[in-house]
Amino acid sequence: MLEPGTPAPDFSVSDQDGLVVTLDDFRGHWVALWWYPIASTPG
């Protein structure tokens, strides 16, 4: 768990188009990240 104010570690993730983006791509900008854990699951 990160403490408030701690810089986020670098990571990579696929965007909605399947392109890989990294946190470093947005260095110097505000970033909001959210996900829906069950969005791509059956049911």
N, C-alpha and C. Protein backbone atom coordinates (compact mmCIF):
# COMPACT_ATOMS: atom_id res chain seq x y z
N MET A 1 0.84 -1.17 0.00
CA MET A 1 0.00 0.00 0.00
C MET A 1 0.89 1.23 0.00
N LEU A 2 0.60 2.17 -0.89
CA LEU A 2 1.34 3.42 -0.94
C LEU A 2 0.76 4.41 0.05
N GLU A 3 1.62 5.17 0.66
CA GLU A 3 1.19 6.25 1.54
C GLU A 3 0.77 7.44 0.69
N PRO A 4 -0.16 8.24 1.16
CA PRO A 4 -0.55 9.44 0.40
C PRO A 4 0.66 10.31 0.11
N GLY A 5 0.74 10.81 -1.12
CA GLY A 5 1.84 11.65 -1.54
C GLY A 5 3.02 10.90 -2.12
N THR A 6 3.00 9.55 -2.03
CA THR A 6 4.07 8.75 -2.60
C THR A 6 3.89 8.65 -4.11
N PRO A 7 4.94 8.91 -4.89
CA PRO A 7 4.80 8.76 -6.35
C PRO A 7 4.44 7.33 -6.71
N ALA A 8 3.56 7.18 -7.69
CA ALA A 8 3.15 5.85 -8.14
C ALA A 8 4.32 5.17 -8.86
N PRO A 9 4.47 3.86 -8.67
CA PRO A 9 5.51 3.14 -9.40
C PRO A 9 5.12 3.07 -10.89
N ASP A 10 6.12 2.96 -11.76
CA ASP A 10 5.83 2.86 -13.18
C ASP A 10 5.12 1.55 -13.46
N PHE A 11 4.21 1.56 -14.41
CA PHE A 11 3.48 0.36 -14.81
C PHE A 11 3.11 0.50 -16.27
N SER A 12 2.73 -0.61 -16.88
CA SER A 12 2.21 -0.57 -18.24
C SER A 12 0.87 -1.31 -18.27
N VAL A 13 -0.01 -0.86 -19.16
CA VAL A 13 -1.35 -1.42 -19.26
C VAL A 13 -1.84 -1.22 -20.69
N SER A 14 -2.72 -2.08 -21.14
CA SER A 14 -3.32 -1.91 -22.47
C SER A 14 -4.50 -0.95 -22.37
N ASP A 15 -4.59 -0.05 -23.35
CA ASP A 15 -5.73 0.87 -23.36
C ASP A 15 -6.91 0.24 -24.10
N GLN A 16 -7.96 1.00 -24.32
CA GLN A 16 -9.17 0.48 -24.93
C GLN A 16 -8.96 0.01 -26.37
N ASP A 17 -7.86 0.44 -27.00
CA ASP A 17 -7.55 0.03 -28.36
C ASP A 17 -6.50 -1.07 -28.42
N GLY A 18 -6.09 -1.57 -27.25
CA GLY A 18 -5.08 -2.63 -27.20
C GLY A 18 -3.66 -2.13 -27.27
N LEU A 19 -3.45 -0.82 -27.27
CA LEU A 19 -2.10 -0.25 -27.28
C LEU A 19 -1.57 -0.20 -25.86
N VAL A 20 -0.29 -0.51 -25.70
CA VAL A 20 0.32 -0.49 -24.37
C VAL A 20 0.75 0.93 -24.04
N VAL A 21 0.31 1.43 -22.91
CA VAL A 21 0.74 2.73 -22.41
C VAL A 21 1.39 2.54 -21.05
N THR A 22 2.29 3.42 -20.70
CA THR A 22 2.96 3.35 -19.41
C THR A 22 2.72 4.64 -18.65
N LEU A 23 2.90 4.58 -17.37
CA LEU A 23 2.77 5.78 -16.56
C LEU A 23 3.78 6.84 -17.02
N ASP A 24 4.94 6.40 -17.45
CA ASP A 24 5.98 7.33 -17.91
C ASP A 24 5.50 8.14 -19.13
N ASP A 25 4.58 7.59 -19.93
CA ASP A 25 4.04 8.32 -21.08
C ASP A 25 3.34 9.60 -20.64
N PHE A 26 2.88 9.64 -19.39
CA PHE A 26 2.12 10.78 -18.89
C PHE A 26 2.88 11.58 -17.84
N ARG A 27 4.18 11.34 -17.71
CA ARG A 27 4.99 12.03 -16.70
C ARG A 27 4.81 13.53 -16.84
N GLY A 28 4.52 14.21 -15.76
CA GLY A 28 4.33 15.66 -15.76
C GLY A 28 2.88 16.09 -15.95
N HIS A 29 1.98 15.11 -16.11
CA HIS A 29 0.55 15.39 -16.27
C HIS A 29 -0.23 14.69 -15.17
N TRP A 30 -1.41 15.19 -14.88
CA TRP A 30 -2.30 14.51 -13.94
C TRP A 30 -2.85 13.28 -14.62
N VAL A 31 -2.98 12.20 -13.87
CA VAL A 31 -3.50 10.94 -14.42
C VAL A 31 -4.58 10.41 -13.48
N ALA A 32 -5.73 10.03 -14.04
CA ALA A 32 -6.77 9.34 -13.29
C ALA A 32 -6.90 7.95 -13.89
N LEU A 33 -6.81 6.95 -13.05
CA LEU A 33 -6.87 5.56 -13.51
C LEU A 33 -8.00 4.85 -12.78
N TRP A 34 -8.85 4.18 -13.52
CA TRP A 34 -9.88 3.36 -12.90
C TRP A 34 -10.07 2.12 -13.75
N TRP A 35 -10.63 1.12 -13.14
CA TRP A 35 -10.88 -0.13 -13.85
C TRP A 35 -12.10 -0.79 -13.24
N TYR A 36 -12.68 -1.68 -14.01
CA TYR A 36 -13.84 -2.44 -13.59
C TYR A 36 -13.43 -3.91 -13.57
N PRO A 37 -13.11 -4.44 -12.41
CA PRO A 37 -12.54 -5.80 -12.32
C PRO A 37 -13.39 -6.88 -12.96
N ILE A 38 -14.70 -6.74 -13.02
CA ILE A 38 -15.51 -7.82 -13.58
C ILE A 38 -16.05 -7.48 -14.96
N ALA A 39 -15.59 -6.37 -15.56
CA ALA A 39 -16.14 -5.93 -16.83
C ALA A 39 -15.89 -6.92 -17.97
N SER A 40 -14.79 -7.61 -17.96
CA SER A 40 -14.45 -8.52 -19.06
C SER A 40 -14.63 -9.98 -18.68
N THR A 41 -15.49 -10.25 -17.71
CA THR A 41 -15.72 -11.63 -17.28
C THR A 41 -17.12 -12.06 -17.68
N PRO A 42 -17.31 -13.36 -17.89
CA PRO A 42 -18.65 -13.82 -18.24
C PRO A 42 -19.62 -13.71 -17.05
N GLY A 43 -20.86 -13.55 -17.35
CA GLY A 43 -21.85 -13.57 -16.28
C GLY A 43 -22.46 -12.28 -16.04
